[in-house]
Amino acid sequence: MHIAHTTGAQTAPPPYQPPSHQMHRGTQTTPSICTPPAPPPAPAPPPPPPTTFLEKLKKFDAALKEYAPVVGSIFDTLSPVIFLGSFMVAVFSGFMAWMSS
């Protein structure tokens, strides 16, 4: 006679299974037979007229007038540094040429 143990180890629960997609179909229960046709695509806007050379020059002139003070201030700041640096390089290269002769 074999007696089964009921107080021993219990069996593991079944592995997780995601819910079926068939359960989440929304509120529609019957397929719709007549669907309205898709609206036609909106017409594309007409391309802008080509920019003339004079208009391009006017835009370029406006941009120059806007950025001229900025470029001028940068040049005013850097020009002494560039001049002194060039002068020092010329003096140093002359000195090195004099030393090597």
N, C-alpha and C. Protein backbone atom coordinates (compact mmCIF):
# COMPACT_ATOMS: atom_id res chain seq x y z
N MET A 1 0.84 -1.16 0.00
CA MET A 1 0.00 0.00 0.00
C MET A 1 0.89 1.23 0.00
N HIS A 2 0.59 2.17 -0.91
CA HIS A 2 1.39 3.39 -1.07
C HIS A 2 0.57 4.58 -0.61
N ILE A 3 1.13 5.38 0.29
CA ILE A 3 0.43 6.55 0.82
C ILE A 3 1.06 7.80 0.17
N ALA A 4 0.24 8.66 -0.43
CA ALA A 4 0.75 9.87 -1.08
C ALA A 4 0.96 10.95 -0.05
N HIS A 5 2.05 11.68 -0.21
CA HIS A 5 2.33 12.80 0.69
C HIS A 5 1.63 14.04 0.15
N THR A 6 0.86 14.70 0.96
CA THR A 6 0.19 15.94 0.52
C THR A 6 0.89 17.16 1.10
N THR A 7 1.79 16.98 2.03
CA THR A 7 2.46 18.12 2.65
C THR A 7 3.81 18.39 2.01
N GLY A 8 4.20 17.65 1.00
CA GLY A 8 5.51 17.81 0.35
C GLY A 8 5.54 19.03 -0.57
N ALA A 9 6.50 19.05 -1.49
CA ALA A 9 6.67 20.18 -2.40
C ALA A 9 5.48 20.29 -3.34
N GLN A 10 5.06 21.53 -3.56
CA GLN A 10 3.92 21.77 -4.46
C GLN A 10 4.44 21.97 -5.88
N THR A 11 3.57 21.75 -6.85
CA THR A 11 3.98 21.92 -8.24
C THR A 11 4.07 23.40 -8.58
N ALA A 12 4.95 23.74 -9.52
CA ALA A 12 5.14 25.14 -9.91
C ALA A 12 3.94 25.62 -10.71
N PRO A 13 3.63 26.91 -10.64
CA PRO A 13 2.50 27.42 -11.42
C PRO A 13 2.86 27.40 -12.91
N PRO A 14 1.87 27.39 -13.77
CA PRO A 14 2.17 27.34 -15.21
C PRO A 14 2.89 28.63 -15.63
N PRO A 15 3.70 28.57 -16.67
CA PRO A 15 4.43 29.76 -17.12
C PRO A 15 3.47 30.84 -17.62
N TYR A 16 3.92 32.10 -17.58
CA TYR A 16 3.09 33.23 -17.99
C TYR A 16 2.83 33.17 -19.49
N GLN A 17 1.60 33.37 -19.86
CA GLN A 17 1.23 33.45 -21.27
C GLN A 17 0.50 34.77 -21.48
N PRO A 18 0.99 35.58 -22.41
CA PRO A 18 0.31 36.87 -22.64
C PRO A 18 -1.10 36.63 -23.13
N PRO A 19 -1.99 37.57 -22.86
CA PRO A 19 -3.38 37.38 -23.29
C PRO A 19 -3.47 37.34 -24.81
N SER A 20 -4.43 36.64 -25.29
CA SER A 20 -4.62 36.48 -26.73
C SER A 20 -5.08 37.80 -27.33
N HIS A 21 -4.66 38.08 -28.57
CA HIS A 21 -5.08 39.32 -29.23
C HIS A 21 -6.54 39.25 -29.65
N GLN A 22 -7.09 38.08 -29.66
CA GLN A 22 -8.49 37.96 -30.06
C GLN A 22 -9.41 38.56 -29.01
N MET A 23 -8.95 38.70 -27.80
CA MET A 23 -9.80 39.25 -26.74
C MET A 23 -9.87 40.77 -26.82
N HIS A 24 -8.95 41.43 -27.53
CA HIS A 24 -8.87 42.88 -27.54
C HIS A 24 -9.21 43.44 -28.92
N ARG A 25 -10.36 43.17 -29.39
CA ARG A 25 -10.75 43.65 -30.71
C ARG A 25 -11.50 44.97 -30.65
N GLY A 26 -11.77 45.50 -29.50
CA GLY A 26 -12.48 46.77 -29.38
C GLY A 26 -13.97 46.54 -29.31
N THR A 27 -14.72 47.61 -29.64
CA THR A 27 -16.18 47.53 -29.50
C THR A 27 -16.86 47.05 -30.77
N GLN A 28 -16.15 47.03 -31.89
CA GLN A 28 -16.76 46.59 -33.14
C GLN A 28 -16.94 45.08 -33.11
N THR A 29 -18.17 44.65 -33.29
CA THR A 29 -18.44 43.21 -33.24
C THR A 29 -18.68 42.64 -34.63
N THR A 30 -19.13 43.46 -35.58
CA THR A 30 -19.36 42.95 -36.92
C THR A 30 -18.49 43.75 -37.89
N PRO A 31 -17.95 43.11 -38.89
CA PRO A 31 -17.13 43.85 -39.84
C PRO A 31 -17.99 44.80 -40.66
N SER A 32 -17.47 46.00 -40.90
CA SER A 32 -18.24 46.96 -41.70
C SER A 32 -18.10 46.58 -43.17
N ILE A 33 -19.19 46.65 -43.87
CA ILE A 33 -19.21 46.25 -45.27
C ILE A 33 -18.91 47.45 -46.16
N CYS A 34 -19.48 48.60 -45.86
CA CYS A 34 -19.30 49.79 -46.68
C CYS A 34 -18.40 50.78 -45.95
N THR A 35 -17.25 51.01 -46.50
CA THR A 35 -16.37 52.02 -45.93
C THR A 35 -16.32 53.19 -46.90
N PRO A 36 -16.36 54.41 -46.40
CA PRO A 36 -16.34 55.55 -47.32
C PRO A 36 -14.98 55.63 -48.01
N PRO A 37 -14.96 56.08 -49.24
CA PRO A 37 -13.68 56.17 -49.95
C PRO A 37 -12.79 57.24 -49.31
N ALA A 38 -11.52 57.04 -49.44
CA ALA A 38 -10.57 58.00 -48.87
C ALA A 38 -10.67 59.32 -49.64
N PRO A 39 -10.57 60.44 -48.93
CA PRO A 39 -10.66 61.72 -49.64
C PRO A 39 -9.46 61.90 -50.56
N PRO A 40 -9.65 62.59 -51.66
CA PRO A 40 -8.51 62.79 -52.58
C PRO A 40 -7.45 63.66 -51.92
N PRO A 41 -6.20 63.46 -52.27
CA PRO A 41 -5.15 64.27 -51.65
C PRO A 41 -5.29 65.74 -52.03
N ALA A 42 -4.90 66.60 -51.11
CA ALA A 42 -5.00 68.04 -51.37
C ALA A 42 -4.03 68.42 -52.47
N PRO A 43 -4.42 69.33 -53.32
CA PRO A 43 -3.50 69.73 -54.40
C PRO A 43 -2.28 70.43 -53.82
N ALA A 44 -1.15 70.20 -54.44
CA ALA A 44 0.10 70.80 -53.97
C ALA A 44 0.08 72.29 -54.27
N PRO A 45 0.62 73.10 -53.35
CA PRO A 45 0.63 74.54 -53.61
C PRO A 45 1.57 74.84 -54.78
N PRO A 46 1.28 75.89 -55.50
CA PRO A 46 2.15 76.20 -56.65
C PRO A 46 3.54 76.59 -56.17
N PRO A 47 4.55 76.28 -56.95
CA PRO A 47 5.92 76.62 -56.52
C PRO A 47 6.09 78.14 -56.50
N PRO A 48 6.94 78.63 -55.60
CA PRO A 48 7.14 80.08 -55.55
C PRO A 48 7.83 80.56 -56.83
N PRO A 49 7.59 81.80 -57.19
CA PRO A 49 8.25 82.29 -58.41
C PRO A 49 9.75 82.33 -58.22
N PRO A 50 10.50 82.16 -59.28
CA PRO A 50 11.97 82.15 -59.14
C PRO A 50 12.47 83.50 -58.64
N THR A 51 13.49 83.44 -57.78
CA THR A 51 14.07 84.65 -57.23
C THR A 51 15.00 85.28 -58.26
N THR A 52 14.82 86.56 -58.46
CA THR A 52 15.66 87.25 -59.43
C THR A 52 17.01 87.57 -58.80
N PHE A 53 17.96 87.91 -59.66
CA PHE A 53 19.30 88.24 -59.18
C PHE A 53 19.27 89.49 -58.31
N LEU A 54 18.40 90.44 -58.66
CA LEU A 54 18.30 91.67 -57.87
C LEU A 54 17.78 91.38 -56.47
N GLU A 55 16.79 90.48 -56.36
CA GLU A 55 16.27 90.12 -55.03
C GLU A 55 17.34 89.43 -54.21
N LYS A 56 18.13 88.57 -54.85
CA LYS A 56 19.21 87.90 -54.13
C LYS A 56 20.23 88.91 -53.63
N LEU A 57 20.54 89.91 -54.47
CA LEU A 57 21.49 90.94 -54.04
C LEU A 57 20.94 91.76 -52.87
N LYS A 58 19.65 92.04 -52.90
CA LYS A 58 19.05 92.80 -51.80
C LYS A 58 19.12 92.01 -50.50
N LYS A 59 18.85 90.70 -50.57
CA LYS A 59 18.94 89.87 -49.36
C LYS A 59 20.38 89.81 -48.85
N PHE A 60 21.32 89.68 -49.78
CA PHE A 60 22.73 89.63 -49.39
C PHE A 60 23.16 90.95 -48.75
N ASP A 61 22.70 92.07 -49.31
CA ASP A 61 23.02 93.38 -48.76
C ASP A 61 22.45 93.54 -47.36
N ALA A 62 21.22 93.07 -47.15
CA ALA A 62 20.62 93.16 -45.82
C ALA A 62 21.40 92.31 -44.82
N ALA A 63 21.84 91.13 -45.24
CA ALA A 63 22.63 90.28 -44.34
C ALA A 63 23.97 90.92 -44.02
N LEU A 64 24.60 91.55 -45.02
CA LEU A 64 25.87 92.23 -44.75
C LEU A 64 25.69 93.38 -43.77
N LYS A 65 24.62 94.13 -43.94
CA LYS A 65 24.37 95.26 -43.02
C LYS A 65 24.12 94.76 -41.61
N GLU A 66 23.53 93.57 -41.49
CA GLU A 66 23.24 93.03 -40.17
C GLU A 66 24.51 92.52 -39.49
N TYR A 67 25.39 91.87 -40.25
CA TYR A 67 26.57 91.25 -39.65
C TYR A 67 27.83 92.09 -39.74
N ALA A 68 27.79 93.22 -40.44
CA ALA A 68 28.99 94.05 -40.58
C ALA A 68 29.54 94.54 -39.24
N PRO A 69 28.70 95.00 -38.30
CA PRO A 69 29.27 95.43 -37.01
C PRO A 69 29.95 94.30 -36.26
N VAL A 70 29.40 93.10 -36.35
CA VAL A 70 29.98 91.96 -35.65
C VAL A 70 31.34 91.61 -36.26
N VAL A 71 31.38 91.53 -37.58
CA VAL A 71 32.64 91.19 -38.25
C VAL A 71 33.67 92.29 -38.01
N GLY A 72 33.22 93.54 -38.04
CA GLY A 72 34.14 94.65 -37.80
C GLY A 72 34.72 94.62 -36.40
N SER A 73 33.89 94.30 -35.40
CA SER A 73 34.42 94.26 -34.03
C SER A 73 35.40 93.10 -33.86
N ILE A 74 35.14 91.98 -34.51
CA ILE A 74 36.08 90.85 -34.43
C ILE A 74 37.40 91.23 -35.10
N PHE A 75 37.31 91.88 -36.27
CA PHE A 75 38.53 92.28 -36.96
C PHE A 75 39.31 93.31 -36.14
N ASP A 76 38.58 94.25 -35.51
CA ASP A 76 39.26 95.25 -34.67
C ASP A 76 39.97 94.60 -33.50
N THR A 77 39.39 93.53 -32.97
CA THR A 77 40.00 92.85 -31.83
C THR A 77 41.20 92.02 -32.28
N LEU A 78 41.08 91.34 -33.40
CA LEU A 78 42.13 90.41 -33.82
C LEU A 78 43.25 91.04 -34.63
N SER A 79 43.01 92.17 -35.26
CA SER A 79 44.05 92.73 -36.14
C SER A 79 45.35 93.06 -35.40
N PRO A 80 45.33 93.65 -34.19
CA PRO A 80 46.62 93.86 -33.51
C PRO A 80 47.33 92.55 -33.18
N VAL A 81 46.57 91.54 -32.81
CA VAL A 81 47.17 90.25 -32.47
C VAL A 81 47.81 89.63 -33.71
N ILE A 82 47.10 89.69 -34.83
CA ILE A 82 47.65 89.13 -36.07
C ILE A 82 48.89 89.90 -36.50
N PHE A 83 48.84 91.24 -36.41
CA PHE A 83 50.00 92.05 -36.81
C PHE A 83 51.20 91.75 -35.93
N LEU A 84 50.99 91.74 -34.61
CA LEU A 84 52.12 91.48 -33.71
C LEU A 84 52.66 90.07 -33.88
N GLY A 85 51.78 89.10 -34.08
CA GLY A 85 52.22 87.72 -34.30
C GLY A 85 53.05 87.60 -35.57
N SER A 86 52.60 88.24 -36.64
CA SER A 86 53.37 88.20 -37.89
C SER A 86 54.72 88.88 -37.72
N PHE A 87 54.73 90.00 -37.02
CA PHE A 87 55.98 90.72 -36.78
C PHE A 87 56.96 89.86 -35.98
N MET A 88 56.45 89.18 -34.95
CA MET A 88 57.32 88.34 -34.12
C MET A 88 57.87 87.16 -34.92
N VAL A 89 57.07 86.57 -35.78
CA VAL A 89 57.55 85.46 -36.61
C VAL A 89 58.63 85.96 -37.56
N ALA A 90 58.44 87.14 -38.15
CA ALA A 90 59.45 87.67 -39.07
C ALA A 90 60.75 87.96 -38.34
N VAL A 91 60.66 88.56 -37.16
CA VAL A 91 61.88 88.87 -36.39
C VAL A 91 62.57 87.58 -35.97
N PHE A 92 61.80 86.60 -35.50
CA PHE A 92 62.39 85.34 -35.05
C PHE A 92 63.05 84.60 -36.22
N SER A 93 62.38 84.56 -37.38
CA SER A 93 62.98 83.86 -38.52
C SER A 93 64.22 84.59 -39.01
N GLY A 94 64.21 85.93 -38.96
CA GLY A 94 65.42 86.67 -39.32
C GLY A 94 66.55 86.41 -38.35
N PHE A 95 66.22 86.35 -37.07
CA PHE A 95 67.23 86.06 -36.05
C PHE A 95 67.81 84.67 -36.26
N MET A 96 66.97 83.69 -36.54
CA MET A 96 67.45 82.32 -36.76
C MET A 96 68.31 82.24 -38.02
N ALA A 97 67.93 82.98 -39.06
CA ALA A 97 68.75 82.99 -40.27
C ALA A 97 70.11 83.64 -40.00
N TRP A 98 70.14 84.70 -39.21
CA TRP A 98 71.39 85.38 -38.86
C TRP A 98 72.28 84.46 -38.03
N MET A 99 71.64 83.67 -37.10
CA MET A 99 72.41 82.78 -36.23
C MET A 99 73.01 81.61 -37.02
N SER A 100 72.31 81.15 -38.05
CA SER A 100 72.81 79.99 -38.79
C SER A 100 73.89 80.37 -39.80
N SER A 101 74.07 81.65 -40.09
CA SER A 101 75.09 82.02 -41.07
C SER A 101 76.46 82.21 -40.46
